[in-house]
Protein backbone atom coordinates (compact mmCIF):
# COMPACT_ATOMS: atom_id res chain seq x y z
CA VAL A 1 200.07 100.17 -46.75
CA GLU A 2 200.81 96.59 -45.80
CA ALA A 3 203.90 96.24 -43.63
CA LYS A 4 205.09 92.66 -44.02
CA THR A 5 208.19 93.15 -41.89
CA ILE A 6 209.41 96.21 -40.06
CA ILE A 7 212.44 95.53 -37.87
CA PHE A 8 212.81 97.65 -34.76
CA LEU A 9 216.35 97.66 -33.41
CA ARG A 10 215.92 99.18 -29.98
CA HIS A 11 219.64 98.87 -29.18
CA GLU A 12 221.13 102.35 -29.59
CA HIS A 13 217.58 103.51 -30.36
CA THR A 14 217.93 102.57 -34.01
CA GLU A 15 215.29 101.09 -36.24
CA GLU A 16 215.89 99.30 -39.52
CA ALA A 17 213.18 99.56 -42.13
CA GLU A 18 213.36 97.28 -45.14
CA VAL A 19 211.68 99.62 -47.57
CA ALA A 20 211.01 96.91 -50.14
CA GLN A 21 208.57 95.32 -47.70
CA LEU A 22 206.33 98.37 -47.49
CA LEU A 23 203.86 97.96 -50.32
CA ASP A 24 200.97 99.85 -51.78
CA GLU A 25 199.14 99.78 -55.07
CA ARG A 26 201.57 102.25 -56.65
CA GLY A 27 204.68 100.20 -55.87
CA LEU A 28 207.42 100.47 -53.27
CA GLU A 29 207.74 104.03 -52.09
CA VAL A 30 209.77 106.05 -49.63
CA ARG A 31 206.59 108.11 -49.28
CA ALA A 32 204.96 105.13 -47.57
CA LEU A 33 207.32 105.53 -44.61
CA ILE A 34 206.41 109.11 -43.83
CA PRO A 35 203.01 108.60 -42.10
CA LEU A 36 204.57 105.98 -39.80
CA ARG A 37 207.14 108.26 -38.19
CA GLY A 38 204.99 109.42 -35.28
CA VAL A 39 204.20 105.83 -34.30
CA ARG A 40 207.83 104.85 -34.25
CA ARG A 41 208.84 107.94 -32.29
CA ASP A 42 206.42 106.79 -29.60
CA LEU A 43 208.18 103.42 -29.56
CA GLY A 44 211.47 105.06 -28.68
CA ALA A 45 213.18 105.11 -32.10
CA ARG A 46 215.60 107.99 -32.53
CA CYS A 47 217.15 106.79 -35.75
CA ILE A 48 215.90 105.06 -38.89
CA TRP A 49 218.32 102.88 -40.82
CA LEU A 50 217.14 102.35 -44.39
CA MET A 51 218.44 99.44 -46.37
CA PRO A 52 219.69 100.43 -49.87
CA VAL A 53 217.39 102.93 -51.56
CA ALA A 54 219.61 103.99 -54.48
CA ALA A 55 218.60 102.95 -57.99
CA SER A 56 219.18 99.22 -58.47
CA PRO A 57 217.90 96.42 -60.71
CA SER A 58 217.40 94.00 -57.79
CA TYR A 59 214.90 93.61 -54.98
CA HIS A 60 217.57 94.01 -52.28
CA GLY A 61 219.34 97.04 -53.72
CA TYR A 62 222.91 96.01 -52.94
CA ASP A 63 223.87 96.30 -56.62
CA VAL A 64 223.63 100.01 -57.35
CA LYS A 65 223.34 101.30 -60.90
CA ASN A 66 222.95 105.00 -60.02
CA TYR A 67 224.32 106.33 -56.73
CA TYR A 68 222.72 109.74 -57.25
CA ARG A 69 219.12 108.66 -57.68
CA VAL A 70 216.63 107.11 -55.30
CA ASN A 71 215.20 103.90 -56.73
CA PRO A 72 212.11 105.01 -58.71
CA GLU A 73 210.18 102.13 -57.13
CA TYR A 74 210.60 103.89 -53.78
CA GLY A 75 209.95 107.42 -54.97
CA THR A 76 212.12 110.35 -55.99
CA ASN A 77 215.01 112.27 -54.52
CA GLU A 78 212.49 114.89 -53.43
CA ASP A 79 210.46 112.20 -51.63
CA PHE A 80 213.59 111.15 -49.76
CA LYS A 81 214.34 114.73 -48.77
CA ARG A 82 210.81 115.07 -47.49
CA LEU A 83 211.22 111.88 -45.46
CA VAL A 84 214.40 113.26 -43.89
CA SER A 85 212.72 116.57 -43.17
CA GLU A 86 209.76 114.86 -41.48
CA ALA A 87 212.10 112.62 -39.49
CA HIS A 88 214.21 115.55 -38.32
CA ARG A 89 211.09 117.44 -37.30
CA ARG A 90 210.37 114.54 -34.95
CA GLY A 91 213.93 114.34 -33.62
CA ILE A 92 214.72 111.20 -35.65
CA ARG A 93 217.91 110.71 -37.65
CA VAL A 94 218.07 108.85 -40.97
CA LEU A 95 220.92 106.52 -41.90
CA VAL A 96 221.16 104.93 -45.34
CA ASP A 97 222.88 101.74 -46.43
CA MET A 98 225.86 102.72 -48.58
CA VAL A 99 227.32 100.05 -50.86
CA LEU A 100 230.92 100.95 -51.67
CA ASN A 101 232.58 97.61 -52.38
CA HIS A 102 230.84 96.92 -55.67
CA ALA A 103 228.41 98.32 -58.19
CA SER A 104 225.78 96.71 -60.37
CA SER A 105 226.76 95.03 -63.63
CA GLU A 106 224.12 97.39 -65.06
CA HIS A 107 225.96 100.49 -63.86
CA PRO A 108 226.82 102.58 -66.96
CA TYR A 109 230.50 102.79 -66.00
CA PHE A 110 230.82 99.01 -65.84
CA LYS A 111 228.86 98.53 -69.06
CA ASP A 112 231.16 100.96 -70.84
CA ALA A 113 234.27 99.28 -69.42
CA LEU A 114 232.93 95.87 -70.40
CA LEU A 115 232.26 96.86 -74.02
CA ASN A 116 235.26 99.10 -74.60
CA SER A 117 238.77 98.04 -73.57
CA SER A 118 239.91 101.68 -73.87
CA SER A 119 237.06 103.00 -71.73
CA PRO A 120 238.00 105.71 -69.21
CA TYR A 121 236.25 103.51 -66.63
CA ARG A 122 238.26 100.41 -67.40
CA ASP A 123 240.49 100.86 -64.34
CA TRP A 124 237.46 101.32 -62.09
CA PHE A 125 237.18 97.52 -62.09
CA ARG A 126 239.57 94.55 -62.00
CA TRP A 127 240.16 92.46 -65.15
CA ALA A 128 242.26 89.40 -65.90
CA ALA A 129 243.06 87.06 -68.79
CA PRO A 130 243.36 84.15 -68.59
CA LYS A 131 241.16 83.37 -65.62
CA PRO A 132 243.15 83.37 -62.35
CA ALA A 133 243.05 80.14 -60.37
CA SER A 134 242.49 81.95 -57.07
CA LYS A 135 239.23 81.64 -55.16
CA GLY A 136 237.46 84.11 -52.91
CA PRO A 137 237.67 84.63 -49.14
CA TRP A 138 235.30 81.74 -48.42
CA GLY A 139 236.37 79.54 -51.35
CA GLN A 140 233.88 80.92 -53.87
CA GLU A 141 234.36 81.82 -57.53
CA VAL A 142 235.28 85.49 -57.82
CA TRP A 143 236.46 85.77 -61.44
CA HIS A 144 233.51 86.00 -63.82
CA ARG A 145 233.69 85.57 -67.58
CA SER A 146 233.01 88.63 -69.68
CA PRO A 147 230.13 88.16 -72.13
CA VAL A 148 232.01 90.37 -74.62
CA ARG A 149 235.57 89.00 -74.93
CA ASP A 150 237.90 86.35 -73.54
CA GLU A 151 238.59 87.94 -70.16
CA TYR A 152 237.32 87.90 -66.59
CA TYR A 153 236.31 90.51 -64.05
CA TYR A 154 236.46 90.36 -60.26
CA GLY A 155 233.35 90.25 -58.12
CA VAL A 156 233.61 88.87 -54.59
CA PHE A 157 229.87 88.24 -54.23
CA TRP A 158 228.60 87.33 -57.73
CA SER A 159 228.79 88.28 -61.39
CA GLY A 160 226.05 90.90 -61.01
CA MET A 161 228.17 92.85 -58.50
CA PRO A 162 231.59 93.70 -60.03
CA ASP A 163 233.97 94.99 -57.35
CA LEU A 164 235.17 98.55 -57.61
CA ASN A 165 238.93 99.04 -57.74
CA TYR A 166 239.93 101.24 -54.79
CA ASP A 167 243.55 101.23 -55.87
CA HIS A 168 242.36 103.62 -58.59
CA PRO A 169 242.25 107.19 -57.19
CA PRO A 170 239.14 108.28 -59.19
CA VAL A 171 237.16 105.49 -57.51
CA ARG A 172 238.10 106.77 -54.06
CA GLU A 173 237.18 110.30 -55.06
CA GLU A 174 233.85 109.17 -56.46
CA ALA A 175 233.00 107.34 -53.24
CA LYS A 176 233.60 110.58 -51.32
CA LYS A 177 231.58 112.56 -53.86
CA VAL A 178 228.65 110.17 -53.40
CA ALA A 179 228.89 110.58 -49.62
CA THR A 180 228.80 114.36 -49.99
CA PHE A 181 225.72 114.12 -52.19
CA TRP A 182 223.73 112.03 -49.71
CA LEU A 183 224.81 114.13 -46.74
CA GLU A 184 224.45 117.61 -48.25
CA GLU A 185 221.94 117.29 -51.08
CA LEU A 186 219.61 114.63 -49.65
CA GLY A 187 220.16 115.37 -45.96
CA ALA A 188 221.06 111.88 -44.70
CA ASP A 189 222.61 111.71 -41.24
CA GLY A 190 225.14 108.96 -41.95
CA PHE A 191 225.76 105.57 -43.45
CA ARG A 192 225.79 101.88 -42.74
CA LEU A 193 228.69 100.75 -44.94
CA ASP A 194 228.28 97.34 -46.51
CA ALA A 195 230.98 94.65 -46.80
CA ILE A 196 233.89 96.88 -45.83
CA PRO A 197 236.54 94.13 -45.40
CA TYR A 198 236.58 93.54 -49.17
CA LEU A 199 237.20 97.10 -50.40
CA VAL A 200 240.87 96.57 -51.30
CA GLU A 201 242.63 93.39 -52.45
CA GLU A 202 246.38 93.10 -51.98
CA GLY A 203 247.83 89.96 -53.56
CA THR A 204 246.24 86.99 -51.84
CA ARG A 205 244.88 89.22 -49.06
CA LEU A 206 241.24 89.60 -50.09
CA ALA A 207 239.74 90.75 -46.79
CA GLY A 208 240.96 93.26 -44.21
CA ALA A 209 243.96 94.35 -46.27
CA PRO A 210 245.98 97.37 -45.08
CA GLY A 211 244.67 99.36 -48.03
CA THR A 212 241.12 98.85 -46.82
CA HIS A 213 241.91 100.37 -43.42
CA ALA A 214 243.73 103.26 -45.11
CA PHE A 215 240.75 104.03 -47.32
CA LEU A 216 238.31 103.86 -44.42
CA ARG A 217 240.38 106.46 -42.57
CA GLU A 218 240.35 108.64 -45.67
CA TYR A 219 236.62 108.18 -46.19
CA SER A 220 235.74 108.84 -42.55
CA ALA A 221 237.82 111.99 -42.48
CA HIS A 222 235.93 113.21 -45.54
CA VAL A 223 232.54 112.46 -43.99
CA ARG A 224 233.51 114.32 -40.82
CA ARG A 225 234.62 117.36 -42.84
CA VAL A 226 231.34 117.44 -44.77
CA ALA A 227 229.03 116.68 -41.83
CA PRO A 228 230.73 116.67 -38.41
CA ASN A 229 227.70 115.09 -36.72
CA ALA A 230 227.25 112.31 -39.28
CA TYR A 231 227.45 108.72 -38.03
CA THR A 232 229.09 105.77 -39.80
CA VAL A 233 228.84 102.08 -38.93
CA GLY A 234 230.53 99.28 -40.83
CA GLU A 235 229.62 95.70 -41.59
CA VAL A 236 232.44 93.28 -40.73
CA TRP A 237 230.65 89.95 -40.77
CA ASP A 238 233.16 88.02 -38.72
CA SER A 239 234.35 87.36 -35.18
CA VAL A 240 235.04 90.04 -32.59
CA GLY A 241 238.76 89.49 -33.15
CA ALA A 242 238.44 90.09 -36.89
CA MET A 243 236.37 93.21 -36.32
CA LEU A 244 238.70 94.88 -33.78
CA PRO A 245 241.39 96.04 -36.29
CA TYR A 246 238.79 98.44 -37.70
CA TYR A 247 238.92 100.40 -34.42
CA PRO A 248 239.59 103.03 -33.16
CA ASP A 249 240.43 105.40 -36.02
CA GLN A 250 238.22 104.43 -38.96
CA LEU A 251 234.41 104.46 -38.89
CA ASP A 252 232.49 105.49 -35.77
CA ALA A 253 231.39 101.92 -35.04
CA HIS A 254 231.16 98.40 -36.45
CA PHE A 255 228.61 95.67 -35.92
CA ALA A 256 229.63 93.07 -33.34
CA PHE A 257 227.99 90.02 -34.86
CA ALA A 258 229.41 87.59 -32.30
CA ALA A 259 227.79 89.60 -29.51
CA SER A 260 224.53 89.76 -31.46
CA ASP A 261 224.58 86.00 -32.06
CA ALA A 262 225.17 85.39 -28.34
CA LEU A 263 222.14 87.53 -27.51
CA VAL A 264 219.92 85.65 -29.96
CA GLU A 265 221.16 82.30 -28.69
CA SER A 266 220.46 83.26 -25.08
CA VAL A 267 216.86 84.03 -26.03
CA ARG A 268 216.51 80.78 -27.94
CA SER A 269 218.05 78.62 -25.23
CA GLY A 270 216.67 80.46 -22.22
CA SER A 271 220.18 80.56 -20.77
CA ALA A 272 222.45 83.59 -20.39
CA ARG A 273 225.49 81.43 -19.66
CA LYS A 274 227.30 82.39 -22.90
CA LEU A 275 225.90 85.88 -23.21
CA LEU A 276 228.41 88.05 -21.36
CA GLU A 277 231.72 86.70 -22.70
CA PRO A 278 231.63 88.32 -26.18
CA TYR A 279 230.27 91.58 -24.76
CA LEU A 280 232.95 91.76 -22.06
CA ARG A 281 235.69 90.88 -24.52
CA LEU A 282 234.51 93.58 -26.89
CA GLN A 283 234.22 96.17 -24.13
CA ARG A 284 237.70 95.46 -22.76
CA ALA A 285 239.28 95.48 -26.21
CA LEU A 286 237.66 98.76 -27.27
CA LEU A 287 238.64 100.50 -24.05
CA ASP A 288 242.23 99.29 -24.48
CA LEU A 289 242.34 100.41 -28.13
CA GLU A 290 240.94 103.83 -27.39
CA ALA A 291 243.27 104.34 -24.42
CA ALA A 292 246.28 103.36 -26.57
CA ALA A 293 245.20 105.79 -29.30
CA HIS A 294 244.97 108.64 -26.79
CA ARG A 295 248.37 107.79 -25.32
CA ALA A 296 249.90 107.77 -28.81
CA ALA A 297 248.38 111.21 -29.40
CA GLY A 298 249.90 112.52 -26.16
CA ASP A 299 246.58 112.96 -24.38
CA ASP A 300 247.34 112.68 -20.66
CA ALA A 301 243.82 113.29 -19.34
CA PRO A 302 242.31 110.41 -17.32
CA PHE A 303 240.66 108.02 -19.73
CA GLY A 304 237.29 108.07 -17.95
CA GLU A 305 237.19 111.87 -18.18
CA ARG A 306 237.81 111.73 -21.91
CA ARG A 307 234.96 109.30 -22.44
CA ALA A 308 232.63 111.45 -20.35
CA ALA A 309 233.57 114.48 -22.42
CA HIS A 310 232.66 112.76 -25.67
CA LEU A 311 229.48 110.90 -24.73
CA PRO A 312 226.68 111.13 -25.60
CA ARG A 313 227.50 112.35 -29.05
CA HIS A 314 224.01 113.83 -29.55
CA GLN A 315 221.45 114.91 -27.02
CA PRO A 316 217.97 113.28 -27.30
CA GLY A 317 215.72 115.39 -29.47
CA GLN A 318 218.59 117.51 -30.80
CA ARG A 319 218.50 118.05 -34.55
CA PRO A 320 221.30 115.82 -35.83
CA ARG A 321 222.68 118.14 -38.51
CA GLN A 322 223.62 121.77 -37.91
């Protein structure tokens, strides 16, 4: 096995493995990860975060065409289950990248909706005719011409990734069904959720709409019912201020890209002068949000005692799923 790039994220004892960069003569396989687990355990990793491994036509996997099947280039569902089993045996948790905002244009539901205007999956996606004049959150084209008829479909990233319509209840239910499958059937320990600000569009509000926060609460509650020890972390690629509305009652955590950028810049420049400000701002804001949530719930215990009672969430070496 040639490992071109394996990214170790020592913060929070998490490691990200880009599976597509682990190659052998048979192709790209989840099986190739299994012999490396002992080495990574020695390096202090307690969690592996896998980038998308569901069936997809692309190299990156962020356009899923089958949410219930591991990409055949990586292996099989049984191979994934074996990986999880081997990881758990070593006290390592496994998170998978879950892409909820959009599917692949090769997903059978989208293909059926594209070809058949009376398809039962038509409302799973957003359609318009004529083409709306509106642009996307960063000024990009988001309405893509159908190759079948004179109409357009919405995709915030590109034409190969049509957005799912979370105003449609069956879409929300399917997202929860997929979560249950990965948690219960395949044994994953949680999810990194991709591009969560764009889940719901409300008029001209294309990012961070109230409906997005409502769905994340619904989704998180479902995950906690299915697997109380599961962990969820969301991607909000924006400033600390833009990320804070996703706390404290939605996913377990969200990436703080501004803090990460400050850390990288301090390494590059050799100066820590700008390092602490985003971290301190984030820490103060999260403590204030959590304290306010407890006050609203009528919890009168001292805030420090509450935090001590909840942390750490898992003990080192403890099997993550009961």
